[in-house]
């Protein structure tokens, strides 16, 4: 092999090593990011925030009710909040029922 061929082979080998290292690094970073995202989802889930901070949630709900009642758009905002609250309660009940059925479908 010529010296140029040997040099090309070394360069190709270094490139392959660098690609392999990059893949390993990206896999490690991806795993770490996935773990951190899962941890953040658990930490900031609305159910957990409400359970852990019931007094704060009550204060926020009271403030929201005061602002809606005091605003000039209360005839529009009030029913919208009632609909949103009804939907939230309904979806919670549906999810609770599906969990209590051990994953079985509601139609079965």
PDB file of N, CA and C in Angstrom:
ATOM      1  N   UNK A   1       0.828  -1.168   0.000  1.00  0.00           N
ATOM      2  CA  UNK A   1       0.000   0.000   0.000  1.00  0.00           C
ATOM      3  C   UNK A   1       0.882   1.244   0.000  1.00  0.00           C
ATOM      4  N   UNK A   2       0.414   2.247  -0.679  1.00  0.00           N
ATOM      5  CA  UNK A   2       1.175   3.493  -0.756  1.00  0.00           C
ATOM      6  C   UNK A   2       0.989   4.283   0.535  1.00  0.00           C
ATOM      7  N   UNK A   3       1.874   5.206   0.801  1.00  0.00           N
ATOM      8  CA  UNK A   3       1.736   6.024   2.012  1.00  0.00           C
ATOM      9  C   UNK A   3       0.420   6.816   2.026  1.00  0.00           C
ATOM     10  N   UNK A   4      -0.005   7.236   0.840  1.00  0.00           N
ATOM     11  CA  UNK A   4      -1.284   7.957   0.779  1.00  0.00           C
ATOM     12  C   UNK A   4      -2.447   7.036   1.133  1.00  0.00           C
ATOM     13  N   UNK A   5      -2.377   5.795   0.689  1.00  0.00           N
ATOM     14  CA  UNK A   5      -3.413   4.821   1.006  1.00  0.00           C
ATOM     15  C   UNK A   5      -3.453   4.512   2.496  1.00  0.00           C
ATOM     16  N   UNK A   6      -2.266   4.388   3.117  1.00  0.00           N
ATOM     17  CA  UNK A   6      -2.211   4.161   4.555  1.00  0.00           C
ATOM     18  C   UNK A   6      -2.794   5.349   5.329  1.00  0.00           C
ATOM     19  N   UNK A   7      -2.454   6.551   4.856  1.00  0.00           N
ATOM     20  CA  UNK A   7      -2.976   7.746   5.507  1.00  0.00           C
ATOM     21  C   UNK A   7      -4.498   7.813   5.357  1.00  0.00           C
ATOM     22  N   UNK A   8      -4.996   7.486   4.183  1.00  0.00           N
ATOM     23  CA  UNK A   8      -6.451   7.466   3.958  1.00  0.00           C
ATOM     24  C   UNK A   8      -7.128   6.427   4.847  1.00  0.00           C
ATOM     25  N   UNK A   9      -6.493   5.262   5.004  1.00  0.00           N
ATOM     26  CA  UNK A   9      -7.058   4.215   5.850  1.00  0.00           C
ATOM     27  C   UNK A   9      -7.102   4.668   7.309  1.00  0.00           C
ATOM     28  N   UNK A  10      -6.037   5.347   7.784  1.00  0.00           N
ATOM     29  CA  UNK A  10      -6.026   5.859   9.158  1.00  0.00           C
ATOM     30  C   UNK A  10      -7.106   6.922   9.358  1.00  0.00           C
ATOM     31  N   UNK A  11      -7.246   7.779   8.375  1.00  0.00           N
ATOM     32  CA  UNK A  11      -8.266   8.826   8.466  1.00  0.00           C
ATOM     33  C   UNK A  11      -9.660   8.206   8.496  1.00  0.00           C
ATOM     34  N   UNK A  12      -9.893   7.213   7.657  1.00  0.00           N
ATOM     35  CA  UNK A  12     -11.190   6.521   7.646  1.00  0.00           C
ATOM     36  C   UNK A  12     -11.451   5.829   8.987  1.00  0.00           C
ATOM     37  N   UNK A  13     -10.408   5.218   9.556  1.00  0.00           N
ATOM     38  CA  UNK A  13     -10.558   4.560  10.846  1.00  0.00           C
ATOM     39  C   UNK A  13     -10.871   5.577  11.946  1.00  0.00           C
ATOM     40  N   UNK A  14     -10.202   6.726  11.912  1.00  0.00           N
ATOM     41  CA  UNK A  14     -10.482   7.783  12.893  1.00  0.00           C
ATOM     42  C   UNK A  14     -11.911   8.305  12.732  1.00  0.00           C
ATOM     43  N   UNK A  15     -12.349   8.448  11.486  1.00  0.00           N
ATOM     44  CA  UNK A  15     -13.724   8.902  11.241  1.00  0.00           C
ATOM     45  C   UNK A  15     -14.735   7.892  11.775  1.00  0.00           C
ATOM     46  N   UNK A  16     -14.472   6.607  11.547  1.00  0.00           N
ATOM     47  CA  UNK A  16     -15.376   5.572  12.072  1.00  0.00           C
ATOM     48  C   UNK A  16     -15.419   5.595  13.602  1.00  0.00           C
ATOM     49  N   UNK A  17     -14.236   5.762  14.227  1.00  0.00           N
ATOM     50  CA  UNK A  17     -14.196   5.853  15.688  1.00  0.00           C
ATOM     51  C   UNK A  17     -14.962   7.076  16.184  1.00  0.00           C
ATOM     52  N   UNK A  18     -14.797   8.201  15.502  1.00  0.00           N
ATOM     53  CA  UNK A  18     -15.496   9.421  15.900  1.00  0.00           C
ATOM     54  C   UNK A  18     -17.005   9.251  15.736  1.00  0.00           C
ATOM     55  N   UNK A  19     -17.432   8.601  14.664  1.00  0.00           N
ATOM     56  CA  UNK A  19     -18.873   8.358  14.460  1.00  0.00           C
ATOM     57  C   UNK A  19     -19.427   7.463  15.562  1.00  0.00           C
ATOM     58  N   UNK A  20     -18.682   6.413  15.908  1.00  0.00           N
ATOM     59  CA  UNK A  20     -19.106   5.499  16.950  1.00  0.00           C
ATOM     60  C   UNK A  20     -19.213   6.235  18.298  1.00  0.00           C
ATOM     61  N   UNK A  21     -18.201   7.057  18.608  1.00  0.00           N
ATOM     62  CA  UNK A  21     -18.240   7.830  19.852  1.00  0.00           C
ATOM     63  C   UNK A  21     -19.421   8.806  19.860  1.00  0.00           C
ATOM     64  N   UNK A  22     -19.688   9.421  18.718  1.00  0.00           N
ATOM     65  CA  UNK A  22     -20.805  10.354  18.624  1.00  0.00           C
ATOM     66  C   UNK A  22     -22.133   9.638  18.843  1.00  0.00           C
ATOM     67  N   UNK A  23     -22.290   8.455  18.257  1.00  0.00           N
ATOM     68  CA  UNK A  23     -23.521   7.680  18.464  1.00  0.00           C
ATOM     69  C   UNK A  23     -23.704   7.310  19.934  1.00  0.00           C
ATOM     70  N   UNK A  24     -22.618   6.878  20.570  1.00  0.00           N
ATOM     71  CA  UNK A  24     -22.695   6.519  21.986  1.00  0.00           C
ATOM     72  C   UNK A  24     -23.059   7.739  22.840  1.00  0.00           C
ATOM     73  N   UNK A  25     -22.444   8.880  22.532  1.00  0.00           N
ATOM     74  CA  UNK A  25     -22.736  10.099  23.275  1.00  0.00           C
ATOM     75  C   UNK A  25     -24.178  10.524  23.073  1.00  0.00           C
ATOM     76  N   UNK A  26     -24.652  10.472  21.834  1.00  0.00           N
ATOM     77  CA  UNK A  26     -26.042  10.844  21.561  1.00  0.00           C
ATOM     78  C   UNK A  26     -27.020   9.906  22.253  1.00  0.00           C
ATOM     79  N   UNK A  27     -26.704   8.630  22.305  1.00  0.00           N
ATOM     80  CA  UNK A  27     -27.570   7.678  23.005  1.00  0.00           C
ATOM     81  C   UNK A  27     -27.612   7.991  24.497  1.00  0.00           C
ATOM     82  N   UNK A  28     -26.470   8.307  25.067  1.00  0.00           N
ATOM     83  CA  UNK A  28     -26.422   8.633  26.495  1.00  0.00           C
ATOM     84  C   UNK A  28     -27.195   9.922  26.780  1.00  0.00           C
ATOM     85  N   UNK A  29     -27.024  10.922  25.937  1.00  0.00           N
ATOM     86  CA  UNK A  29     -27.734  12.188  26.118  1.00  0.00           C
ATOM     87  C   UNK A  29     -29.231  11.972  25.961  1.00  0.00           C
ATOM     88  N   UNK A  30     -29.631  11.199  24.978  1.00  0.00           N
ATOM     89  CA  UNK A  30     -31.049  10.928  24.755  1.00  0.00           C
ATOM     90  C   UNK A  30     -31.667  10.220  25.956  1.00  0.00           C
ATOM     91  N   UNK A  31     -30.967   9.261  26.514  1.00  0.00           N
ATOM     92  CA  UNK A  31     -31.473   8.546  27.689  1.00  0.00           C
ATOM     93  C   UNK A  31     -31.598   9.488  28.883  1.00  0.00           C
ATOM     94  N   UNK A  32     -30.615  10.357  29.064  1.00  0.00           N
ATOM     95  CA  UNK A  32     -30.658  11.295  30.179  1.00  0.00           C
ATOM     96  C   UNK A  32     -31.791  12.301  30.007  1.00  0.00           C
ATOM     97  N   UNK A  33     -31.976  12.810  28.799  1.00  0.00           N
ATOM     98  CA  UNK A  33     -33.063  13.757  28.539  1.00  0.00           C
ATOM     99  C   UNK A  33     -34.408  13.089  28.761  1.00  0.00           C
ATOM    100  N   UNK A  34     -34.565  11.863  28.299  1.00  0.00           N
ATOM    101  CA  UNK A  34     -35.820  11.134  28.495  1.00  0.00           C
ATOM    102  C   UNK A  34     -36.112  10.944  29.983  1.00  0.00           C
ATOM    103  N   UNK A  35     -35.079  10.624  30.746  1.00  0.00           N
ATOM    104  CA  UNK A  35     -35.252  10.451  32.193  1.00  0.00           C
ATOM    105  C   UNK A  35     -35.660  11.773  32.846  1.00  0.00           C
ATOM    106  N   UNK A  36     -35.025  12.868  32.467  1.00  0.00           N
ATOM    107  CA  UNK A  36     -35.337  14.170  33.051  1.00  0.00           C
ATOM    108  C   UNK A  36     -36.746  14.624  32.675  1.00  0.00           C
ATOM    109  N   UNK A  37     -37.160  14.347  31.441  1.00  0.00           N
ATOM    110  CA  UNK A  37     -38.515  14.719  31.013  1.00  0.00           C
ATOM    111  C   UNK A  37     -39.547  13.937  31.814  1.00  0.00           C
ATOM    112  N   UNK A  38     -39.323  12.658  32.002  1.00  0.00           N
ATOM    113  CA  UNK A  38     -40.245  11.846  32.806  1.00  0.00           C
ATOM    114  C   UNK A  38     -40.311  12.358  34.238  1.00  0.00           C
ATOM    115  N   UNK A  39     -39.170  12.724  34.789  1.00  0.00           N
ATOM    116  CA  UNK A  39     -39.134  13.248  36.154  1.00  0.00           C
ATOM    117  C   UNK A  39     -39.886  14.577  36.252  1.00  0.00           C
ATOM    118  N   UNK A  40     -39.734  15.438  35.244  1.00  0.00           N
ATOM    119  CA  UNK A  40     -40.443  16.721  35.246  1.00  0.00           C
ATOM    120  C   UNK A  40     -41.945  16.516  35.085  1.00  0.00           C
ATOM    121  N   UNK A  41     -42.342  15.553  34.255  1.00  0.00           N
ATOM    122  CA  UNK A  41     -43.771  15.268  34.083  1.00  0.00           C
ATOM    123  C   UNK A  41     -44.391  14.819  35.394  1.00  0.00           C
ATOM    124  N   UNK A  42     -43.678  14.000  36.143  1.00  0.00           N
ATOM    125  CA  UNK A  42     -44.194  13.533  37.424  1.00  0.00           C
ATOM    126  C   UNK A  42     -44.233  14.686  38.427  1.00  0.00           C
ATOM    127  N   UNK A  43     -43.181  15.490  38.449  1.00  0.00           N
ATOM    128  CA  UNK A  43     -43.101  16.572  39.434  1.00  0.00           C
ATOM    129  C   UNK A  43     -44.145  17.656  39.196  1.00  0.00           C
ATOM    130  N   UNK A  44     -44.466  17.921  37.932  1.00  0.00           N
ATOM    131  CA  UNK A  44     -45.377  19.012  37.617  1.00  0.00           C
ATOM    132  C   UNK A  44     -46.737  18.547  37.135  1.00  0.00           C
ATOM    133  N   UNK A  45     -47.120  17.331  37.458  1.00  0.00           N
ATOM    134  CA  UNK A  45     -48.440  16.860  37.062  1.00  0.00           C
ATOM    135  C   UNK A  45     -49.493  17.608  37.872  1.00  0.00           C
ATOM    136  N   UNK A  46     -50.607  17.983  37.260  1.00  0.00           N
ATOM    137  CA  UNK A  46     -51.632  18.744  37.984  1.00  0.00           C
ATOM    138  C   UNK A  46     -52.172  18.008  39.206  1.00  0.00           C
ATOM    139  N   UNK A  47     -52.333  16.711  39.116  1.00  0.00           N
ATOM    140  CA  UNK A  47     -52.850  15.956  40.255  1.00  0.00           C
ATOM    141  C   UNK A  47     -51.891  16.040  41.445  1.00  0.00           C
ATOM    142  N   UNK A  48     -50.620  15.905  41.172  1.00  0.00           N
ATOM    143  CA  UNK A  48     -49.647  15.958  42.266  1.00  0.00           C
ATOM    144  C   UNK A  48     -49.554  17.363  42.842  1.00  0.00           C
ATOM    145  N   UNK A  49     -49.581  18.378  41.973  1.00  0.00           N
ATOM    146  CA  UNK A  49     -49.528  19.739  42.478  1.00  0.00           C
ATOM    147  C   UNK A  49     -50.728  20.042  43.371  1.00  0.00           C
ATOM    148  N   UNK A  50     -51.905  19.549  42.987  1.00  0.00           N
ATOM    149  CA  UNK A  50     -53.092  19.780  43.804  1.00  0.00           C
ATOM    150  C   UNK A  50     -53.012  19.026  45.129  1.00  0.00           C
ATOM    151  N   UNK A  51     -52.554  17.780  45.088  1.00  0.00           N
ATOM    152  CA  UNK A  51     -52.452  16.997  46.319  1.00  0.00           C
ATOM    153  C   UNK A  51     -51.427  17.588  47.282  1.00  0.00           C
ATOM    154  N   UNK A  52     -50.301  18.035  46.742  1.00  0.00           N
ATOM    155  CA  UNK A  52     -49.230  18.541  47.593  1.00  0.00           C
ATOM    156  C   UNK A  52     -49.480  19.969  48.067  1.00  0.00           C
ATOM    157  N   UNK A  53     -50.237  20.762  47.319  1.00  0.00           N
ATOM    158  CA  UNK A  53     -50.444  22.165  47.641  1.00  0.00           C
ATOM    159  C   UNK A  53     -51.925  22.506  47.668  1.00  0.00           C
ATOM    160  N   UNK A  54     -52.689  21.849  48.502  1.00  0.00           N
ATOM    161  CA  UNK A  54     -54.134  22.025  48.507  1.00  0.00           C
ATOM    162  C   UNK A  54     -54.516  23.444  48.928  1.00  0.00           C
ATOM    163  N   UNK A  55     -53.780  24.045  49.866  1.00  0.00           N
ATOM    164  CA  UNK A  55     -54.091  25.405  50.299  1.00  0.00           C
ATOM    165  C   UNK A  55     -53.810  26.387  49.171  1.00  0.00           C
ATOM    166  N   UNK A  56     -52.687  26.235  48.513  1.00  0.00           N
ATOM    167  CA  UNK A  56     -52.355  27.115  47.393  1.00  0.00           C
ATOM    168  C   UNK A  56     -53.345  26.973  46.250  1.00  0.00           C
ATOM    169  N   UNK A  57     -53.760  25.741  45.968  1.00  0.00           N
ATOM    170  CA  UNK A  57     -54.735  25.513  44.901  1.00  0.00           C
ATOM    171  C   UNK A  57     -56.071  26.151  45.256  1.00  0.00           C
ATOM    172  N   UNK A  58     -56.462  26.084  46.527  1.00  0.00           N
ATOM    173  CA  UNK A  58     -57.707  26.715  46.959  1.00  0.00           C
ATOM    174  C   UNK A  58     -57.632  28.230  46.820  1.00  0.00           C
ATOM    175  N   UNK A  59     -56.486  28.799  47.163  1.00  0.00           N
ATOM    176  CA  UNK A  59     -56.307  30.249  47.021  1.00  0.00           C
ATOM    177  C   UNK A  59     -56.368  30.670  45.555  1.00  0.00           C
ATOM    178  N   UNK A  60     -55.723  29.915  44.682  1.00  0.00           N
ATOM    179  CA  UNK A  60     -55.761  30.226  43.251  1.00  0.00           C
ATOM    180  C   UNK A  60     -57.181  30.103  42.723  1.00  0.00           C
ATOM    181  N   UNK A  61     -57.906  29.078  43.144  1.00  0.00           N
ATOM    182  CA  UNK A  61     -59.295  28.915  42.706  1.00  0.00           C
ATOM    183  C   UNK A  61     -60.153  30.079  43.185  1.00  0.00           C
ATOM    184  N   UNK A  62     -59.964  30.514  44.428  1.00  0.00           N
ATOM    185  CA  UNK A  62     -60.709  31.659  44.944  1.00  0.00           C
ATOM    186  C   UNK A  62     -60.387  32.931  44.196  1.00  0.00           C
ATOM    187  N   UNK A  63     -59.112  33.159  43.904  1.00  0.00           N
ATOM    188  CA  UNK A  63     -58.711  34.336  43.142  1.00  0.00           C
ATOM    189  C   UNK A  63     -59.298  34.303  41.744  1.00  0.00           C
ATOM    190  N   UNK A  64     -59.273  33.147  41.110  1.00  0.00           N
ATOM    191  CA  UNK A  64     -59.849  33.016  39.773  1.00  0.00           C
ATOM    192  C   UNK A  64     -61.352  33.289  39.808  1.00  0.00           C
ATOM    193  N   UNK A  65     -62.032  32.765  40.811  1.00  0.00           N
ATOM    194  CA  UNK A  65     -63.463  33.028  40.947  1.00  0.00           C
ATOM    195  C   UNK A  65     -63.753  34.501  41.171  1.00  0.00           C
ATOM    196  N   UNK A  66     -62.937  35.157  41.980  1.00  0.00           N
ATOM    197  CA  UNK A  66     -63.115  36.588  42.222  1.00  0.00           C
ATOM    198  C   UNK A  66     -62.912  37.380  40.939  1.00  0.00           C
ATOM    199  N   UNK A  67     -61.854  37.047  40.187  1.00  0.00           N
ATOM    200  CA  UNK A  67     -61.578  37.776  38.950  1.00  0.00           C
ATOM    201  C   UNK A  67     -62.683  37.577  37.919  1.00  0.00           C
ATOM    202  N   UNK A  68     -63.196  36.351  37.821  1.00  0.00           N
ATOM    203  CA  UNK A  68     -64.281  36.090  36.869  1.00  0.00           C
ATOM    204  C   UNK A  68     -65.538  36.830  37.295  1.00  0.00           C
ATOM    205  N   UNK A  69     -65.832  36.819  38.580  1.00  0.00           N
ATOM    206  CA  UNK A  69     -67.025  37.492  39.065  1.00  0.00           C
ATOM    207  C   UNK A  69     -66.938  38.999  38.959  1.00  0.00           C
ATOM    208  N   UNK A  70     -65.732  39.544  39.037  1.00  0.00           N
ATOM    209  CA  UNK A  70     -65.560  40.986  39.003  1.00  0.00           C
ATOM    210  C   UNK A  70     -65.357  41.530  37.590  1.00  0.00           C
ATOM    211  N   UNK A  71     -65.146  40.664  36.620  1.00  0.00           N
ATOM    212  CA  UNK A  71     -64.860  41.160  35.271  1.00  0.00           C
ATOM    213  C   UNK A  71     -66.153  41.533  34.548  1.00  0.00           C
ATOM    214  N   UNK A  72     -65.999  42.372  33.546  1.00  0.00           N
ATOM    215  CA  UNK A  72     -67.183  42.801  32.787  1.00  0.00           C
ATOM    216  C   UNK A  72     -67.617  41.735  31.781  1.00  0.00           C
ATOM    217  N   UNK A  73     -66.822  40.684  31.624  1.00  0.00           N
ATOM    218  CA  UNK A  73     -67.154  39.612  30.683  1.00  0.00           C
ATOM    219  C   UNK A  73     -67.692  38.384  31.407  1.00  0.00           C
ATOM    220  N   UNK A  74     -68.206  38.526  32.622  1.00  0.00           N
ATOM    221  CA  UNK A  74     -68.605  37.371  33.418  1.00  0.00           C
ATOM    222  C   UNK A  74     -69.744  36.576  32.792  1.00  0.00           C
ATOM    223  N   UNK A  75     -70.557  37.214  31.942  1.00  0.00           N
ATOM    224  CA  UNK A  75     -71.654  36.477  31.309  1.00  0.00           C
ATOM    225  C   UNK A  75     -71.129  35.493  30.269  1.00  0.00           C
ATOM    226  N   UNK A  76     -69.939  35.738  29.774  1.00  0.00           N
ATOM    227  CA  UNK A  76     -69.327  34.830  28.798  1.00  0.00           C
ATOM    228  C   UNK A  76     -68.354  33.869  29.494  1.00  0.00           C
ATOM    229  N   UNK A  77     -67.555  34.409  30.391  1.00  0.00           N
ATOM    230  CA  UNK A  77     -66.509  33.614  31.024  1.00  0.00           C
ATOM    231  C   UNK A  77     -67.088  32.603  32.012  1.00  0.00           C
ATOM    232  N   UNK A  78     -68.115  32.983  32.746  1.00  0.00           N
ATOM    233  CA  UNK A  78     -68.716  32.087  33.731  1.00  0.00           C
ATOM    234  C   UNK A  78     -69.173  30.771  33.131  1.00  0.00           C
ATOM    235  N   UNK A  79     -70.037  30.806  32.098  1.00  0.00           N
ATOM    236  CA  UNK A  79     -70.454  29.533  31.486  1.00  0.00           C
ATOM    237  C   UNK A  79     -69.294  28.747  30.873  1.00  0.00           C
ATOM    238  N   UNK A  80     -68.297  29.461  30.331  1.00  0.00           N
ATOM    239  CA  UNK A  80     -67.141  28.764  29.752  1.00  0.00           C
ATOM    240  C   UNK A  80     -66.388  27.996  30.834  1.00  0.00           C
ATOM    241  N   UNK A  81     -66.257  28.587  32.000  1.00  0.00           N
ATOM    242  CA  UNK A  81     -65.562  27.913  33.100  1.00  0.00           C
ATOM    243  C   UNK A  81     -66.390  26.733  33.598  1.00  0.00           C
ATOM    244  N   UNK A  82     -67.696  26.895  33.659  1.00  0.00           N
ATOM    245  CA  UNK A  82     -68.551  25.791  34.091  1.00  0.00           C
ATOM    246  C   UNK A  82     -68.430  24.613  33.122  1.00  0.00           C
ATOM    247  N   UNK A  83     -68.410  24.908  31.818  1.00  0.00           N
ATOM    248  CA  UNK A  83     -68.264  23.852  30.813  1.00  0.00           C
ATOM    249  C   UNK A  83     -66.892  23.187  30.950  1.00  0.00           C
ATOM    250  N   UNK A  84     -65.835  23.987  31.116  1.00  0.00           N
ATOM    251  CA  UNK A  84     -64.493  23.427  31.252  1.00  0.00           C
ATOM    252  C   UNK A  84     -64.386  22.570  32.516  1.00  0.00           C
ATOM    253  N   UNK A  85     -64.965  23.050  33.604  1.00  0.00           N
ATOM    254  CA  UNK A  85     -64.940  22.290  34.847  1.00  0.00           C
ATOM    255  C   UNK A  85     -65.735  20.990  34.712  1.00  0.00           C
ATOM    256  N   UNK A  86     -66.886  21.065  34.056  1.00  0.00           N
ATOM    257  CA  UNK A  86     -67.683  19.858  33.825  1.00  0.00           C
ATOM    258  C   UNK A  86     -66.942  18.842  32.986  1.00  0.00           C
ATOM    259  N   UNK A  87     -66.273  19.316  31.950  1.00  0.00           N
ATOM    260  CA  UNK A  87     -65.495  18.410  31.100  1.00  0.00           C
ATOM    261  C   UNK A  87     -64.359  17.773  31.893  1.00  0.00           C
ATOM    262  N   UNK A  88     -63.689  18.566  32.729  1.00  0.00           N
ATOM    263  CA  UNK A  88     -62.579  18.037  33.526  1.00  0.00           C
ATOM    264  C   UNK A  88     -63.066  16.957  34.482  1.00  0.00           C
ATOM    265  N   UNK A  89     -64.179  17.224  35.151  1.00  0.00           N
ATOM    266  CA  UNK A  89     -64.735  16.230  36.075  1.00  0.00           C
ATOM    267  C   UNK A  89     -65.161  14.973  35.316  1.00  0.00           C
ATOM    268  N   UNK A  90     -65.814  15.157  34.179  1.00  0.00           N
ATOM    269  CA  UNK A  90     -66.265  14.018  33.377  1.00  0.00           C
ATOM    270  C   UNK A  90     -65.082  13.177  32.912  1.00  0.00           C
ATOM    271  N   UNK A  91     -64.025  13.834  32.401  1.00  0.00           N
ATOM    272  CA  UNK A  91     -62.869  13.066  31.918  1.00  0.00           C
ATOM    273  C   UNK A  91     -62.173  12.354  33.071  1.00  0.00           C
ATOM    274  N   UNK A  92     -62.149  12.979  34.251  1.00  0.00           N
ATOM    275  CA  UNK A  92     -61.573  12.305  35.419  1.00  0.00           C
ATOM    276  C   UNK A  92     -62.358  11.074  35.805  1.00  0.00           C
ATOM    277  N   UNK A  93     -63.690  11.172  35.740  1.00  0.00           N
ATOM    278  CA  UNK A  93     -64.516  10.009  36.062  1.00  0.00           C
ATOM    279  C   UNK A  93     -64.345   8.897  35.041  1.00  0.00           C
ATOM    280  N   UNK A  94     -64.236   9.266  33.773  1.00  0.00           N
ATOM    281  CA  UNK A  94     -64.042   8.254  32.734  1.00  0.00           C
ATOM    282  C   UNK A  94     -62.695   7.560  32.930  1.00  0.00           C
ATOM    283  N   UNK A  95     -61.650   8.332  33.218  1.00  0.00           N
ATOM    284  CA  UNK A  95     -60.333   7.731  33.445  1.00  0.00           C
ATOM    285  C   UNK A  95     -60.347   6.849  34.682  1.00  0.00           C
ATOM    286  N   UNK A  96     -61.032   7.278  35.732  1.00  0.00           N
ATOM    287  CA  UNK A  96     -61.115   6.485  36.955  1.00  0.00           C
ATOM    288  C   UNK A  96     -61.857   5.179  36.696  1.00  0.00           C
ATOM    289  N   UNK A  97     -62.920   5.251  35.913  1.00  0.00           N
ATOM    290  CA  UNK A  97     -63.687   4.048  35.602  1.00  0.00           C
ATOM    291  C   UNK A  97     -62.855   3.095  34.756  1.00  0.00           C
ATOM    292  N   UNK A  98     -62.072   3.632  33.797  1.00  0.00           N
ATOM    293  CA  UNK A  98     -61.262   2.747  32.964  1.00  0.00           C
ATOM    294  C   UNK A  98     -60.148   2.106  33.773  1.00  0.00           C
ATOM    295  N   UNK A  99     -59.597   2.801  34.779  1.00  0.00           N
ATOM    296  CA  UNK A  99     -58.573   2.204  35.627  1.00  0.00           C
ATOM    297  C   UNK A  99     -59.174   1.154  36.544  1.00  0.00           C
ATOM    298  N   UNK A 100     -60.404   1.375  37.005  1.00  0.00           N
ATOM    299  CA  UNK A 100     -61.015   0.404  37.908  1.00  0.00           C
ATOM    300  C   UNK A 100     -61.443  -0.860  37.173  1.00  0.00           C
ATOM    301  N   UNK A 101     -61.588  -0.784  35.854  1.00  0.00           N
ATOM    302  CA  UNK A 101     -61.928  -1.967  35.064  1.00  0.00           C
ATOM    303  C   UNK A 101     -60.700  -2.780  34.703  1.00  0.00           C
ATOM    304  N   UNK A 102     -59.550  -2.445  35.276  1.00  0.00           N
ATOM    305  CA  UNK A 102     -58.278  -3.126  34.987  1.00  0.00           C
ATOM    306  C   UNK A 102     -57.937  -3.086  33.502  1.00  0.00           C
ATOM    307  N   UNK A 103     -58.191  -1.925  32.870  1.00  0.00           N
ATOM    308  CA  UNK A 103     -57.795  -1.735  31.485  1.00  0.00           C
ATOM    309  C   UNK A 103     -58.799  -2.248  30.478  1.00  0.00           C
ATOM    310  N   UNK A 104     -59.920  -2.815  30.945  1.00  0.00           N
ATOM    311  CA  UNK A 104     -60.913  -3.310  29.990  1.00  0.00           C
ATOM    312  C   UNK A 104     -61.638  -2.125  29.358  1.00  0.00           C
ATOM    313  N   UNK A 105     -62.120  -2.324  28.183  1.00  0.00           N
ATOM    314  CA  UNK A 105     -62.832  -1.269  27.481  1.00  0.00           C
ATOM    315  C   UNK A 105     -64.189  -1.015  28.143  1.00  0.00           C
ATOM    316  N   UNK A 106     -64.672   0.220  28.049  1.00  0.00           N
ATOM    317  CA  UNK A 106     -65.957   0.564  28.631  1.00  0.00           C
ATOM    318  C   UNK A 106     -67.115  -0.076  27.882  1.00  0.00           C
ATOM    319  N   UNK A 107     -66.897  -0.397  26.601  1.00  0.00           N
ATOM    320  CA  UNK A 107     -67.975  -0.961  25.770  1.00  0.00           C
ATOM    321  C   UNK A 107     -68.145  -2.464  25.965  1.00  0.00           C
ATOM    322  N   UNK A 108     -67.165  -3.119  26.557  1.00  0.00           N
ATOM    323  CA  UNK A 108     -67.259  -4.583  26.681  1.00  0.00           C
ATOM    324  C   UNK A 108     -68.104  -5.015  27.835  1.00  0.00           C
TER     325      UNK A 108
END
